[in-house]
C-alpha atoms as a PDB file:
ATOM      1  CA  MET A   1    -106.025 -62.454  79.597  1.00  0.00           C
ATOM      2  CA  GLN A   2    -104.509 -61.707  83.283  1.00  0.00           C
ATOM      3  CA  LYS A   3    -101.272 -63.059  84.162  1.00  0.00           C
ATOM      4  CA  TYR A   4     -99.774 -63.459  87.568  1.00  0.00           C
ATOM      5  CA  TYR A   5     -96.311 -63.812  88.983  1.00  0.00           C
ATOM      6  CA  TYR A   6     -95.577 -66.160  92.061  1.00  0.00           C
ATOM      7  CA  VAL A   7     -93.293 -65.453  94.685  1.00  0.00           C
ATOM      8  CA  TYR A   8     -92.631 -68.406  96.232  1.00  0.00           C
ATOM      9  CA  ILE A   9     -89.805 -70.033  99.017  1.00  0.00           C
ATOM     10  CA  LEU A  10     -88.210 -73.754  98.649  1.00  0.00           C
ATOM     11  CA  THR A  11     -86.928 -75.988 101.220  1.00  0.00           C
ATOM     12  CA  ASN A  12     -85.642 -79.155 101.978  1.00  0.00           C
ATOM     13  CA  LYS A  13     -87.037 -79.885 105.343  1.00  0.00           C
ATOM     14  CA  GLN A  14     -88.627 -77.610 108.041  1.00  0.00           C
ATOM     15  CA  ASN A  15     -86.276 -75.141 109.031  1.00  0.00           C
ATOM     16  CA  GLY A  16     -83.751 -76.034 106.222  1.00  0.00           C
ATOM     17  CA  VAL A  17     -82.482 -74.518 103.690  1.00  0.00           C
ATOM     18  CA  LEU A  18     -84.816 -71.768 101.879  1.00  0.00           C
ATOM     19  CA  TYR A  19     -84.581 -70.522  98.872  1.00  0.00           C
ATOM     20  CA  THR A  20     -87.181 -67.348  97.248  1.00  0.00           C
ATOM     21  CA  GLY A  21     -87.701 -67.238  93.735  1.00  0.00           C
ATOM     22  CA  ILE A  22     -90.183 -65.695  91.729  1.00  0.00           C
ATOM     23  CA  THR A  23     -91.942 -67.374  88.342  1.00  0.00           C
ATOM     24  CA  ASN A  24     -95.274 -66.843  86.186  1.00  0.00           C
ATOM     25  CA  ASN A  25     -96.239 -70.913  86.243  1.00  0.00           C
ATOM     26  CA  LEU A  26     -95.896 -71.981  90.033  1.00  0.00           C
ATOM     27  CA  LEU A  27     -96.443 -75.689  88.952  1.00  0.00           C
ATOM     28  CA  ARG A  28     -94.103 -75.973  86.236  1.00  0.00           C
ATOM     29  CA  ARG A  29     -91.312 -73.802  88.001  1.00  0.00           C
ATOM     30  CA  VAL A  30     -91.959 -76.055  91.352  1.00  0.00           C
ATOM     31  CA  TRP A  31     -92.115 -79.092  88.941  1.00  0.00           C
ATOM     32  CA  GLU A  32     -88.394 -78.068  87.518  1.00  0.00           C
ATOM     33  CA  HIS A  33     -86.761 -77.326  90.808  1.00  0.00           C
ATOM     34  CA  ARG A  34     -88.083 -81.242  92.036  1.00  0.00           C
ATOM     35  CA  ASN A  35     -86.628 -82.635  89.043  1.00  0.00           C
ATOM     36  CA  LYS A  36     -83.644 -81.088  89.349  1.00  0.00           C
ATOM     37  CA  ILE A  37     -83.644 -79.175  85.899  1.00  0.00           C
ATOM     38  CA  VAL A  38     -82.537 -76.046  87.460  1.00  0.00           C
ATOM     39  CA  LYS A  39     -78.771 -75.939  88.063  1.00  0.00           C
ATOM     40  CA  GLY A  40     -77.391 -74.076  90.841  1.00  0.00           C
ATOM     41  CA  PHE A  41     -78.528 -73.751  94.468  1.00  0.00           C
ATOM     42  CA  THR A  42     -81.978 -75.650  94.641  1.00  0.00           C
ATOM     43  CA  GLU A  43     -80.301 -78.348  93.033  1.00  0.00           C
ATOM     44  CA  LYS A  44     -77.012 -78.785  95.426  1.00  0.00           C
ATOM     45  CA  TYR A  45     -79.326 -78.312  98.327  1.00  0.00           C
ATOM     46  CA  ASN A  46     -82.373 -80.204  97.150  1.00  0.00           C
ATOM     47  CA  LEU A  47     -84.724 -77.737  97.682  1.00  0.00           C
ATOM     48  CA  ASN A  48     -87.682 -79.429  96.375  1.00  0.00           C
ATOM     49  CA  ARG A  49     -90.474 -78.493  98.930  1.00  0.00           C
ATOM     50  CA  LEU A  50     -92.932 -75.463  98.186  1.00  0.00           C
ATOM     51  CA  VAL A  51     -93.796 -74.170 101.955  1.00  0.00           C
ATOM     52  CA  TYR A  52     -94.992 -70.443 100.828  1.00  0.00           C
ATOM     53  CA  TYR A  53     -96.197 -68.339  97.755  1.00  0.00           C
ATOM     54  CA  GLU A  54     -98.054 -65.219  97.380  1.00  0.00           C
ATOM     55  CA  ILE A  55     -99.753 -64.183  93.773  1.00  0.00           C
ATOM     56  CA  HIS A  56     -99.247 -60.682  92.631  1.00  0.00           C
ATOM     57  CA  GLU A  57    -100.920 -58.990  89.081  1.00  0.00           C
ATOM     58  CA  ASP A  58     -97.858 -56.600  88.972  1.00  0.00           C
ATOM     59  CA  VAL A  59     -94.360 -58.443  88.014  1.00  0.00           C
ATOM     60  CA  GLY A  60     -92.539 -55.130  89.016  1.00  0.00           C
ATOM     61  CA  GLN A  61     -94.225 -55.905  92.268  1.00  0.00           C
ATOM     62  CA  ALA A  62     -93.443 -59.348  92.378  1.00  0.00           C
ATOM     63  CA  ILE A  63     -89.766 -58.507  91.943  1.00  0.00           C
ATOM     64  CA  ASN A  64     -89.668 -55.891  94.390  1.00  0.00           C
ATOM     65  CA  ARG A  65     -91.403 -58.808  96.811  1.00  0.00           C
ATOM     66  CA  GLU A  66     -88.309 -61.182  95.839  1.00  0.00           C
ATOM     67  CA  LYS A  67     -85.928 -58.703  95.929  1.00  0.00           C
ATOM     68  CA  ASN A  68     -87.559 -57.660  99.724  1.00  0.00           C
ATOM     69  CA  ILE A  69     -87.801 -61.004 101.193  1.00  0.00           C
ATOM     70  CA  LYS A  70     -84.280 -62.428  99.933  1.00  0.00           C
ATOM     71  CA  LYS A  71     -82.684 -59.102 101.884  1.00  0.00           C
ATOM     72  CA  TRP A  72     -84.856 -60.541 104.943  1.00  0.00           C
ATOM     73  CA  LYS A  73     -83.108 -62.563 108.020  1.00  0.00           C
ATOM     74  CA  ARG A  74     -83.486 -66.118 108.286  1.00  0.00           C
ATOM     75  CA  GLU A  75     -86.239 -65.570 111.419  1.00  0.00           C
ATOM     76  CA  TRP A  76     -88.467 -63.242 109.441  1.00  0.00           C
ATOM     77  CA  LYS A  77     -88.821 -65.728 106.278  1.00  0.00           C
ATOM     78  CA  ILE A  78     -89.599 -68.484 108.939  1.00  0.00           C
ATOM     79  CA  ASN A  79     -92.319 -66.929 110.448  1.00  0.00           C
ATOM     80  CA  LEU A  80     -93.823 -65.737 106.821  1.00  0.00           C
ATOM     81  CA  ILE A  81     -93.935 -69.796 105.996  1.00  0.00           C
ATOM     82  CA  LYS A  82     -95.649 -70.288 109.442  1.00  0.00           C
ATOM     83  CA  LYS A  83     -97.897 -67.607 109.702  1.00  0.00           C
ATOM     84  CA  ASP A  84     -99.860 -69.624 106.654  1.00  0.00           C
ATOM     85  CA  ASN A  85     -98.004 -72.880 106.688  1.00  0.00           C
ATOM     86  CA  PRO A  86     -97.020 -73.809 110.543  1.00  0.00           C
ATOM     87  CA  GLU A  87     -96.860 -77.546 109.845  1.00  0.00           C
ATOM     88  CA  TRP A  88     -94.433 -76.780 106.544  1.00  0.00           C
ATOM     89  CA  ILE A  89     -96.638 -78.934 104.160  1.00  0.00           C
ATOM     90  CA  ASP A  90     -95.423 -79.316 101.088  1.00  0.00           C
ATOM     91  CA  LEU A  91     -97.951 -77.042  99.177  1.00  0.00           C
ATOM     92  CA  TYR A  92     -96.778 -78.537  95.410  1.00  0.00           C
ATOM     93  CA  GLU A  93     -98.216 -82.066  96.405  1.00  0.00           C
ATOM     94  CA  ILE A  94    -101.722 -80.198  97.680  1.00  0.00           C
ATOM     95  CA  MET A  95    -101.816 -78.382  94.247  1.00  0.00           C
ATOM     96  CA  VAL A  96    -101.190 -81.384  91.912  1.00  0.00           C
ATOM     97  CA  LYS A  97    -103.865 -83.741  93.404  1.00  0.00           C
END
């Protein structure tokens, strides 16, 4: 069975605080963030909107991508989001419908 890994970016509002993470179950992980099950940064800043994600088949590639994005300048992350999601729509809401 093929396993997938997701690198994702959460925010609290357009051009707000950004958080980059990795998971093997995107819907579950975003649900955990939204319901404050994940303590720490995302809870503190109420980061509950999924505005970007990408899918990887190799966990090593996904980990490296997450680490690279975390090192990026804020402007680069914003451009990454705007490229595929210019309106900063909450992608989680679309995925659960």
